[in-house]
């Protein structure tokens, strides 16, 4: 798609709106107006006119053109993007379930709107202004309600710790994360692990100097259980030694891939005080597992759950993905029921998001199943209905670009088993300090809506070779908290 912009600075939202409707068409942005090109194109313009400014949005598909325009007193983002959205709706005949929302955190927006206007008026504006469908607005409202206790429990000096292990036994076909295949990255694991411990020590010193309280720990990846049992024991032990754990209410480790789980590793985690783990099947169809590059079977998932229960883990999360190649509604329904039969406390339902760097796109070019938007929506609707029937509450929700059916990822929990870390990081309501390659620390001003990010280097080899810079960047946490506290006084 060729997007032409003129007379305004609303590029980001205009570009992302085009991607909502045409996720597989690269958007080429041009500053200035041209003759309507062949194929797919859009224009968003603002120019002076009697009475203010004329805004116009036009979209063409090579056969017809939809054109909207209006005069406004001044150029603002919302009137222009709303017209572009309506033109895209008319040219495609599609009205997205999440309306005009293109951001990652739709519940965060709802929280802000409700805080400003109250529950009823806030929900009405959320639906009407952003064109969110009643079903998705209801889901966002349920998530907001489920988050209330965790959000209200967060104190001004509380923070969460994220620790990244960017290694996996194999790379899944849909994956675009920075996780690396163990066969290729084995030589990086030991030096990475030692430097990770050094970063944790630096962060612990900073937290102590600032008087911060650690309330949750999350070790994610990648697949943390690619580490040996001894490394897991050492990592969890060092976290408990370095940090004051007296206020920490949860300790999560993504065990993730069933083919990395052993009794020895689970016992090491249990002995270290880990209370919550993830065992992530993605699907219980062996055929689909093979198609996405997983080297385990549905039977392996069942065995991993049984072993975790034997070791004493009760708070277990299981991930499923909507829209996987070769999967359909009946297959997804079977997978969801099969997972529920295993007795998880949390179930996370992801909508497949195909990034440009995933193998399905780069090597296979296979996005056909991802384009079945109606079937993906039916899978998600089934998950909402079935999980609600089973007593689960939706408690966090986020979105990504190029998701199947332009849908969402939703975390579900049985009452009393909500993972507060997921709420704090996805809702951006509290500080999260991240260690490891690809980690993004989100430093939240507890006295305002301000949030600052500190980035670690993305790839393990960068993290290793430039580790001193990683440590120096972490010192920025001190400066940010000093600024926050000065504003208070």
Protein backbone atom coordinates (compact mmCIF):
# COMPACT_ATOMS: atom_id res chain seq x y z
CA UNK A 1 0.00 0.00 0.00
CA UNK A 2 1.15 3.53 -0.80
CA UNK A 3 0.16 6.07 1.87
CA UNK A 4 0.39 9.76 0.96
CA UNK A 5 0.44 12.36 3.74
CA UNK A 6 0.16 16.12 3.43
CA UNK A 7 -0.16 19.05 5.84
CA UNK A 8 0.04 17.23 9.20
CA UNK A 9 2.28 15.12 11.45
CA UNK A 10 -0.02 12.14 12.06
CA UNK A 11 2.11 9.60 10.23
CA UNK A 12 2.32 7.01 13.03
CA UNK A 13 -1.42 6.51 13.51
CA UNK A 14 -2.26 6.76 9.80
CA UNK A 15 0.35 4.14 8.95
CA UNK A 16 -0.78 1.78 11.71
CA UNK A 17 -4.44 2.12 10.72
CA UNK A 18 -3.54 0.99 7.21
CA UNK A 19 -1.75 -2.03 8.71
CA UNK A 20 -4.87 -3.00 10.67
CA UNK A 21 -6.80 -3.45 7.42
CA UNK A 22 -3.95 -4.68 5.22
CA UNK A 23 -1.49 -6.51 7.52
CA UNK A 24 0.35 -8.26 4.68
CA UNK A 25 0.82 -5.24 2.45
CA UNK A 26 3.96 -3.21 3.26
CA UNK A 27 3.03 0.44 3.79
CA UNK A 28 5.16 2.86 1.78
CA UNK A 29 4.74 6.35 3.23
CA UNK A 30 5.12 9.39 0.98
CA UNK A 31 5.13 12.99 2.20
CA UNK A 32 3.17 14.90 -0.40
CA UNK A 33 0.31 14.20 -2.78
CA UNK A 34 0.65 12.31 -6.04
CA UNK A 35 -1.61 11.05 -8.75
CA UNK A 36 -3.50 8.02 -7.50
CA UNK A 37 -1.19 5.06 -8.20
CA UNK A 38 -2.29 1.68 -9.51
CA UNK A 39 -3.24 -0.85 -6.87
CA UNK A 40 -3.83 -0.06 -3.21
CA UNK A 41 -3.33 3.49 -1.96
CA UNK A 42 -4.51 5.97 0.67
CA UNK A 43 -4.29 9.71 1.24
CA UNK A 44 -4.63 11.72 4.46
CA UNK A 45 -4.35 15.49 4.04
CA UNK A 46 -4.92 18.76 5.85
CA UNK A 47 -4.87 22.16 4.18
CA UNK A 48 -6.04 25.70 5.05
CA UNK A 49 -9.52 26.61 3.91
CA UNK A 50 -12.19 29.22 4.73
CA UNK A 51 -13.29 28.58 8.30
CA UNK A 52 -10.20 26.62 9.35
CA UNK A 53 -8.70 23.54 7.72
CA UNK A 54 -10.02 21.02 5.24
CA UNK A 55 -9.29 17.42 6.22
CA UNK A 56 -9.60 14.68 3.62
CA UNK A 57 -9.09 10.92 3.59
CA UNK A 58 -9.17 8.88 0.40
CA UNK A 59 -8.59 5.18 -0.16
CA UNK A 60 -8.45 3.37 -3.49
CA UNK A 61 -8.02 -0.29 -4.44
CA UNK A 62 -7.54 -0.01 -8.18
CA UNK A 63 -11.25 -0.36 -8.91
CA UNK A 64 -12.97 2.28 -6.81
CA UNK A 65 -12.19 5.18 -4.50
CA UNK A 66 -13.76 6.17 -1.17
CA UNK A 67 -13.36 9.83 -0.29
CA UNK A 68 -14.33 11.68 2.91
CA UNK A 69 -13.68 15.26 3.95
CA UNK A 70 -14.67 17.87 6.52
CA UNK A 71 -13.68 21.34 7.73
CA UNK A 72 -12.39 21.81 11.28
CA UNK A 73 -11.11 24.84 13.25
CA UNK A 74 -7.64 23.33 13.68
CA UNK A 75 -5.66 20.26 12.63
CA UNK A 76 -5.91 17.47 15.20
CA UNK A 77 -5.00 13.81 14.95
CA UNK A 78 -8.32 12.23 15.90
CA UNK A 79 -10.66 13.80 13.28
CA UNK A 80 -8.22 12.96 10.49
CA UNK A 81 -7.55 9.40 11.58
CA UNK A 82 -11.25 8.78 12.20
CA UNK A 83 -11.99 9.75 8.58
CA UNK A 84 -9.17 7.53 7.33
CA UNK A 85 -10.56 4.68 9.43
CA UNK A 86 -14.08 5.12 8.00
CA UNK A 87 -12.70 5.22 4.45
CA UNK A 88 -10.79 1.98 5.11
CA UNK A 89 -13.94 0.37 6.55
CA UNK A 90 -15.93 1.29 3.44
CA UNK A 91 -13.32 0.15 0.92
CA UNK A 92 -12.80 -3.21 2.67
CA UNK A 93 -16.27 -3.89 4.03
CA UNK A 94 -14.58 -4.83 7.31
CA UNK A 95 -15.09 -3.23 10.71
CA UNK A 96 -12.29 -4.40 13.06
CA UNK A 97 -13.38 -5.75 16.44
CA UNK A 98 -10.94 -3.41 18.21
CA UNK A 99 -11.97 -0.47 16.03
CA UNK A 100 -9.39 2.26 15.66
CA UNK A 101 -7.14 0.95 18.43
CA UNK A 102 -3.68 0.12 17.15
CA UNK A 103 -1.74 0.12 20.42
CA UNK A 104 -0.46 -2.77 22.49
CA UNK A 105 -2.34 -1.89 25.69
CA UNK A 106 -6.11 -1.46 25.11
CA UNK A 107 -6.94 -2.07 28.79
CA UNK A 108 -4.51 0.66 29.86
CA UNK A 109 -6.46 3.11 27.69
CA UNK A 110 -9.73 1.94 29.22
CA UNK A 111 -8.30 2.36 32.73
CA UNK A 112 -7.28 5.95 31.95
CA UNK A 113 -10.65 6.74 30.38
CA UNK A 114 -12.65 5.29 33.29
CA UNK A 115 -10.46 7.15 35.79
CA UNK A 116 -11.21 10.41 33.96
CA UNK A 117 -14.93 9.95 33.30
CA UNK A 118 -16.19 7.23 35.65
CA UNK A 119 -17.16 3.65 34.81
CA UNK A 120 -20.25 4.16 32.66
CA UNK A 121 -19.23 7.29 30.77
CA UNK A 122 -15.68 5.96 30.38
CA UNK A 123 -16.91 2.74 28.79
CA UNK A 124 -19.26 4.65 26.49
CA UNK A 125 -16.43 6.87 25.24
CA UNK A 126 -14.15 3.84 24.84
CA UNK A 127 -16.72 2.14 22.60
CA UNK A 128 -17.92 5.13 20.65
CA UNK A 129 -14.79 7.22 20.19
CA UNK A 130 -12.53 4.31 19.28
CA UNK A 131 -15.22 2.18 17.60
CA UNK A 132 -14.47 -0.83 19.82
CA UNK A 133 -17.05 -3.58 19.39
CA UNK A 134 -19.35 -4.36 22.35
CA UNK A 135 -17.78 -7.83 22.78
CA UNK A 136 -14.21 -6.51 22.97
CA UNK A 137 -15.22 -3.60 25.20
CA UNK A 138 -16.90 -6.10 27.54
CA UNK A 139 -13.74 -8.25 27.57
CA UNK A 140 -11.56 -5.21 28.34
CA UNK A 141 -13.94 -4.26 31.15
CA UNK A 142 -13.72 -7.74 32.65
CA UNK A 143 -9.92 -7.56 32.54
CA UNK A 144 -9.97 -4.16 34.22
CA UNK A 145 -12.15 -5.53 37.03
CA UNK A 146 -9.87 -8.56 37.52
CA UNK A 147 -6.79 -6.30 37.75
CA UNK A 148 -8.21 -3.98 40.39
CA UNK A 149 -6.86 -5.79 43.48
CA UNK A 150 -3.33 -6.11 42.07
CA UNK A 151 -3.30 -2.51 40.86
CA UNK A 152 -4.48 -1.16 44.20
CA UNK A 153 -1.90 -3.26 46.10
CA UNK A 154 1.02 -1.65 44.25
CA UNK A 155 2.99 0.78 46.43
CA UNK A 156 5.12 3.70 45.18
CA UNK A 157 8.40 1.87 45.89
CA UNK A 158 7.34 -1.54 44.57
CA UNK A 159 8.96 -3.11 41.52
CA UNK A 160 9.05 -6.39 39.61
CA UNK A 161 12.12 -8.19 38.31
CA UNK A 162 12.28 -9.82 34.88
CA UNK A 163 15.13 -12.17 34.00
CA UNK A 164 15.53 -13.24 30.37
CA UNK A 165 16.97 -16.57 29.19
CA UNK A 166 17.04 -16.16 25.39
CA UNK A 167 17.67 -19.78 24.42
CA UNK A 168 15.34 -22.51 23.14
CA UNK A 169 15.85 -26.16 22.14
CA UNK A 170 14.60 -25.25 18.63
CA UNK A 171 13.15 -22.13 17.04
CA UNK A 172 9.40 -22.32 16.41
CA UNK A 173 8.24 -21.45 12.90
CA UNK A 174 6.20 -18.46 14.07
CA UNK A 175 8.82 -17.05 16.46
CA UNK A 176 10.46 -13.64 15.97
CA UNK A 177 11.86 -13.29 19.51
CA UNK A 178 15.58 -13.01 20.08
CA UNK A 179 15.72 -16.55 21.49
CA UNK A 180 18.42 -18.67 19.89
CA UNK A 181 18.52 -22.36 19.03
CA UNK A 182 20.68 -24.19 21.60
CA UNK A 183 22.51 -26.09 18.88
CA UNK A 184 23.76 -22.77 17.46
CA UNK A 185 24.20 -20.84 20.70
CA UNK A 186 25.61 -23.44 23.10
CA UNK A 187 28.97 -21.68 23.32
CA UNK A 188 27.24 -18.46 24.44
CA UNK A 189 25.29 -19.99 27.32
CA UNK A 190 27.99 -20.15 29.99
CA UNK A 191 29.40 -16.63 29.47
CA UNK A 192 25.86 -15.28 29.16
CA UNK A 193 24.84 -16.91 32.42
CA UNK A 194 27.80 -15.49 34.36
CA UNK A 195 27.22 -11.96 33.06
CA UNK A 196 23.51 -12.24 33.84
CA UNK A 197 24.42 -12.91 37.47
CA UNK A 198 26.62 -9.80 37.43
CA UNK A 199 23.75 -7.68 36.10
CA UNK A 200 21.43 -9.03 38.79
CA UNK A 201 23.97 -8.04 41.42
CA UNK A 202 24.10 -4.49 40.01
CA UNK A 203 20.30 -4.22 39.99
CA UNK A 204 20.05 -5.54 43.55
CA UNK A 205 22.47 -2.84 44.71
CA UNK A 206 20.46 -0.13 42.91
CA UNK A 207 17.18 -1.39 44.39
CA UNK A 208 18.63 -1.41 47.89
CA UNK A 209 20.09 2.10 47.49
CA UNK A 210 16.72 3.45 46.35
CA UNK A 211 14.71 1.57 48.97
CA UNK A 212 12.67 -0.28 46.35
CA UNK A 213 10.58 -3.31 47.32
CA UNK A 214 10.61 -6.40 45.12
CA UNK A 215 7.06 -7.75 44.78
CA UNK A 216 7.34 -10.25 41.92
CA UNK A 217 9.99 -12.17 39.97
CA UNK A 218 9.50 -13.56 36.47
CA UNK A 219 12.12 -15.64 34.65
CA UNK A 220 11.14 -15.85 31.00
CA UNK A 221 12.60 -16.43 27.60
CA UNK A 222 13.16 -18.13 25.34
CA UNK A 223 12.93 -21.21 27.45
CA UNK A 224 14.57 -20.88 30.89
CA UNK A 225 14.57 -24.66 31.33
CA UNK A 226 17.20 -24.95 28.61
CA UNK A 227 19.46 -24.20 31.60
CA UNK A 228 20.67 -27.17 33.59
CA UNK A 229 19.14 -28.02 36.95
CA UNK A 230 22.28 -26.71 38.64
CA UNK A 231 22.12 -23.41 36.71
CA UNK A 232 18.43 -23.00 37.60
CA UNK A 233 19.26 -23.70 41.26
CA UNK A 234 22.09 -21.16 41.18
CA UNK A 235 20.07 -18.49 39.35
CA UNK A 236 17.07 -18.69 41.67
CA UNK A 237 19.33 -18.92 44.69
CA UNK A 238 21.26 -15.81 43.68
CA UNK A 239 18.05 -13.85 43.20
CA UNK A 240 16.93 -14.84 46.72
CA UNK A 241 20.36 -14.00 48.13
CA UNK A 242 20.80 -10.65 46.38
CA UNK A 243 17.30 -9.23 46.81
CA UNK A 244 15.10 -8.67 49.82
CA UNK A 245 12.35 -11.22 49.17
CA UNK A 246 10.26 -10.39 52.25
CA UNK A 247 7.64 -8.53 50.17
CA UNK A 248 7.79 -10.78 47.09
CA UNK A 249 4.43 -12.49 46.65
CA UNK A 250 5.18 -14.52 43.51
CA UNK A 251 8.10 -16.18 41.76
CA UNK A 252 7.42 -17.44 38.23
CA UNK A 253 9.62 -19.46 35.88
CA UNK A 254 8.56 -20.29 32.33
CA UNK A 255 9.33 -23.99 32.10
CA UNK A 256 7.81 -23.62 28.65
CA UNK A 257 8.75 -26.43 26.33
CA UNK A 258 7.82 -29.88 27.67
CA UNK A 259 10.93 -31.37 26.01
CA UNK A 260 13.15 -29.35 28.39
CA UNK A 261 11.36 -30.35 31.62
CA UNK A 262 12.86 -32.94 33.96
CA UNK A 263 12.13 -33.94 37.54
CA UNK A 264 15.54 -32.64 38.61
CA UNK A 265 14.85 -29.19 37.15
CA UNK A 266 11.37 -28.98 38.67
CA UNK A 267 12.68 -30.04 42.07
CA UNK A 268 15.40 -27.39 41.83
CA UNK A 269 12.80 -24.72 41.11
CA UNK A 270 10.50 -25.90 43.88
CA UNK A 271 13.32 -25.96 46.42
CA UNK A 272 14.31 -22.41 45.38
CA UNK A 273 10.87 -21.04 46.25
CA UNK A 274 9.36 -20.82 42.75
CA UNK A 275 5.58 -21.00 43.10
CA UNK A 276 4.36 -20.61 39.51
CA UNK A 277 5.55 -22.20 36.27
CA UNK A 278 4.40 -22.33 32.66
CA UNK A 279 4.13 -25.47 30.56
CA UNK A 280 3.20 -24.28 27.09
CA UNK A 281 1.80 -26.79 24.60
CA UNK A 282 0.56 -24.14 22.05
CA UNK A 283 -1.59 -26.97 20.65
CA UNK A 284 -2.33 -30.60 21.52
CA UNK A 285 -2.32 -31.68 17.86
CA UNK A 286 0.82 -33.64 17.04
CA UNK A 287 0.40 -32.75 13.37
CA UNK A 288 0.32 -29.01 14.11
CA UNK A 289 3.22 -29.31 16.59
CA UNK A 290 5.33 -30.84 13.83
CA UNK A 291 4.30 -28.11 11.38
CA UNK A 292 5.49 -25.34 13.72
CA UNK A 293 8.83 -26.99 14.52
CA UNK A 294 8.14 -28.30 18.00
CA UNK A 295 10.04 -31.43 18.97
CA UNK A 296 7.52 -32.76 21.45
CA UNK A 297 4.13 -34.42 21.35
CA UNK A 298 0.83 -33.90 23.11
CA UNK A 299 1.72 -36.91 25.28
CA UNK A 300 4.87 -35.06 26.40
CA UNK A 301 2.71 -32.13 27.55
CA UNK A 302 0.52 -34.45 29.59
CA UNK A 303 3.60 -36.10 31.13
CA UNK A 304 5.12 -32.72 32.02
CA UNK A 305 1.93 -31.63 33.79
CA UNK A 306 1.75 -34.89 35.71
CA UNK A 307 5.40 -34.54 36.76
CA UNK A 308 4.91 -30.92 37.85
CA UNK A 309 1.93 -31.91 39.98
CA UNK A 310 3.95 -34.74 41.54
CA UNK A 311 6.72 -32.30 42.48
CA UNK A 312 4.12 -30.04 44.10
CA UNK A 313 3.36 -27.28 41.59
CA UNK A 314 -0.29 -26.25 41.56
CA UNK A 315 -0.11 -22.81 39.95
CA UNK A 316 0.69 -23.79 36.35
CA UNK A 317 0.06 -21.72 33.22
CA UNK A 318 -0.53 -23.24 29.78
CA UNK A 319 -0.29 -21.26 26.52
CA UNK A 320 -2.38 -21.97 23.45
CA UNK A 321 -2.17 -20.22 20.06
CA UNK A 322 -5.05 -19.38 17.76
CA UNK A 323 -4.40 -19.54 14.01
CA UNK A 324 -1.50 -22.00 13.80
CA UNK A 325 -0.80 -23.58 10.37
CA UNK A 326 -2.89 -26.69 9.87
CA UNK A 327 -5.15 -25.98 12.84
CA UNK A 328 -8.86 -25.24 12.69
CA UNK A 329 -11.75 -24.51 15.03
CA UNK A 330 -12.38 -28.17 15.92
CA UNK A 331 -8.69 -28.78 16.54
CA UNK A 332 -8.40 -25.70 18.75
CA UNK A 333 -11.49 -26.72 20.71
CA UNK A 334 -9.94 -30.14 21.35
CA UNK A 335 -6.67 -28.55 22.46
CA UNK A 336 -8.39 -26.18 24.87
CA UNK A 337 -10.45 -28.95 26.44
CA UNK A 338 -7.38 -31.17 26.65
CA UNK A 339 -5.46 -28.43 28.46
CA UNK A 340 -8.34 -27.82 30.88
CA UNK A 341 -8.36 -31.54 31.67
CA UNK A 342 -4.71 -31.22 32.78
CA UNK A 343 -5.71 -28.85 35.60
CA UNK A 344 -3.91 -25.54 34.95
CA UNK A 345 -4.52 -22.52 37.18
CA UNK A 346 -3.81 -20.12 34.27
CA UNK A 347 -4.47 -20.42 30.54
CA UNK A 348 -3.14 -17.85 28.09
CA UNK A 349 -4.74 -17.70 24.65
CA UNK A 350 -2.53 -16.03 22.03
CA UNK A 351 -3.56 -14.99 18.54
CA UNK A 352 -0.78 -15.90 16.11
CA UNK A 353 1.25 -12.82 15.21
CA UNK A 354 3.41 -13.35 12.16
CA UNK A 355 6.47 -11.11 12.19
CA UNK A 356 8.69 -10.57 9.18
CA UNK A 357 11.59 -12.47 10.78
CA UNK A 358 9.60 -15.64 11.58
CA UNK A 359 10.37 -18.77 9.56
CA UNK A 360 6.76 -19.02 8.36
CA UNK A 361 7.25 -15.71 6.57
CA UNK A 362 10.96 -15.72 5.70
CA UNK A 363 11.34 -19.31 4.52
CA UNK A 364 7.91 -20.82 4.02
CA UNK A 365 5.94 -17.75 2.94
CA UNK A 366 2.98 -19.57 4.50
CA UNK A 367 0.47 -17.10 5.88
CA UNK A 368 -2.63 -18.76 4.43
CA UNK A 369 -3.98 -20.05 7.74
CA UNK A 370 -3.23 -16.69 9.33
CA UNK A 371 -5.54 -14.99 6.85
CA UNK A 372 -8.59 -16.97 8.01
CA UNK A 373 -9.77 -14.10 10.17
CA UNK A 374 -13.31 -15.41 10.72
CA UNK A 375 -12.06 -18.80 11.89
CA UNK A 376 -9.51 -17.18 14.20
CA UNK A 377 -12.26 -15.00 15.67
CA UNK A 378 -14.41 -18.11 16.22
CA UNK A 379 -11.52 -19.78 18.08
CA UNK A 380 -11.09 -16.76 20.33
CA UNK A 381 -14.84 -16.55 20.99
CA UNK A 382 -14.88 -20.23 21.89
CA UNK A 383 -11.99 -19.70 24.33
CA UNK A 384 -13.81 -16.81 26.02
CA UNK A 385 -16.99 -18.84 26.40
CA UNK A 386 -15.32 -22.09 27.52
CA UNK A 387 -12.86 -20.54 29.96
CA UNK A 388 -15.61 -18.45 31.51
CA UNK A 389 -17.69 -21.61 31.96
CA UNK A 390 -14.69 -23.28 33.64
CA UNK A 391 -14.45 -20.46 36.20
CA UNK A 392 -11.49 -18.55 34.77
CA UNK A 393 -11.24 -14.75 34.80
CA UNK A 394 -9.55 -12.71 32.04
CA UNK A 395 -6.92 -10.69 33.89
CA UNK A 396 -4.46 -9.29 31.36
CA UNK A 397 -4.69 -8.54 27.67
CA UNK A 398 -2.41 -7.13 25.01
CA UNK A 399 -2.21 -6.86 21.25
CA UNK A 400 0.50 -7.10 18.59
CA UNK A 401 0.82 -6.13 14.96
CA UNK A 402 -0.10 -8.66 12.27
CA UNK A 403 -2.21 -10.78 14.60
CA UNK A 404 -4.57 -13.39 13.22
CA UNK A 405 -7.92 -11.65 12.71
CA UNK A 406 -6.54 -8.45 14.31
CA UNK A 407 -7.45 -10.02 17.65
CA UNK A 408 -5.68 -10.15 21.04
CA UNK A 409 -3.74 -12.22 23.57
CA UNK A 410 -5.58 -12.82 26.84
CA UNK A 411 -4.39 -14.32 30.11
CA UNK A 412 -7.01 -16.22 32.12
CA UNK A 413 -6.71 -17.27 35.77
CA UNK A 414 -8.71 -19.15 38.34
CA UNK A 415 -9.64 -16.93 41.30
CA UNK A 416 -6.64 -16.47 43.59
CA UNK A 417 -4.04 -17.43 40.97
CA UNK A 418 -3.60 -14.15 39.08
CA UNK A 419 0.03 -13.44 38.09
CA UNK A 420 0.63 -9.85 39.18
CA UNK A 421 3.79 -9.54 37.11
CA UNK A 422 1.74 -9.98 33.93
CA UNK A 423 -0.60 -7.19 35.00
CA UNK A 424 2.18 -4.78 35.93
CA UNK A 425 4.17 -5.26 32.72
CA UNK A 426 1.26 -5.43 30.25
CA UNK A 427 -0.73 -2.63 31.86
CA UNK A 428 2.46 -0.62 32.51
CA UNK A 429 1.16 0.21 35.98
CA UNK A 430 4.37 -0.50 37.89
CA UNK A 431 8.15 -0.52 37.49
CA UNK A 432 9.68 -3.61 35.90
CA UNK A 433 13.48 -3.88 35.90
CA UNK A 434 14.64 -6.34 33.24
CA UNK A 435 17.91 -8.24 33.15
CA UNK A 436 19.30 -10.21 30.23
CA UNK A 437 19.47 -9.90 26.45
CA UNK A 438 16.46 -8.14 24.94
CA UNK A 439 15.30 -6.94 28.35
CA UNK A 440 13.39 -3.65 28.46
CA UNK A 441 13.15 -2.01 31.87
CA UNK A 442 9.99 0.08 32.32
CA UNK A 443 10.58 2.64 35.06
CA UNK A 444 7.23 3.99 36.19
CA UNK A 445 6.85 7.28 38.04
CA UNK A 446 4.52 6.27 40.90
CA UNK A 447 3.30 9.87 41.24
CA UNK A 448 2.31 10.46 37.60
CA UNK A 449 1.71 8.61 34.36
CA UNK A 450 5.33 9.02 33.25
CA UNK A 451 7.12 5.85 32.15
CA UNK A 452 10.71 5.66 30.91
CA UNK A 453 12.39 2.70 29.22
CA UNK A 454 15.96 1.45 29.51
CA UNK A 455 16.97 -1.08 26.85
CA UNK A 456 19.45 -3.93 27.08
CA UNK A 457 21.16 -5.10 23.93
CA UNK A 458 18.93 -7.38 21.93
CA UNK A 459 21.11 -10.35 21.02
CA UNK A 460 23.13 -12.58 23.40
CA UNK A 461 26.43 -11.90 21.61
CA UNK A 462 25.86 -8.13 21.97
CA UNK A 463 24.89 -8.56 25.60
CA UNK A 464 28.15 -10.43 26.21
CA UNK A 465 30.50 -8.21 24.20
CA UNK A 466 29.04 -4.90 25.47
CA UNK A 467 28.13 -5.92 28.98
CA UNK A 468 29.78 -2.95 30.66
CA UNK A 469 27.38 -0.69 28.76
CA UNK A 470 24.47 -2.80 30.03
CA UNK A 471 25.58 -2.17 33.60
CA UNK A 472 26.08 1.55 32.99
CA UNK A 473 22.60 1.88 31.51
CA UNK A 474 21.14 0.29 34.63
CA UNK A 475 22.61 3.16 36.67
CA UNK A 476 20.04 5.33 34.87
CA UNK A 477 17.38 3.83 37.15
CA UNK A 478 18.82 5.87 40.02
CA UNK A 479 18.59 9.12 38.09
CA UNK A 480 15.00 8.46 37.06
CA UNK A 481 13.83 7.74 40.61
CA UNK A 482 15.61 10.84 41.85
CA UNK A 483 13.67 12.88 39.28
CA UNK A 484 10.37 11.25 40.27
CA UNK A 485 10.92 11.94 43.95
CA UNK A 486 12.04 15.54 43.37
CA UNK A 487 8.76 16.23 41.58
CA UNK A 488 6.88 14.95 44.61
CA UNK A 489 8.58 17.52 46.83
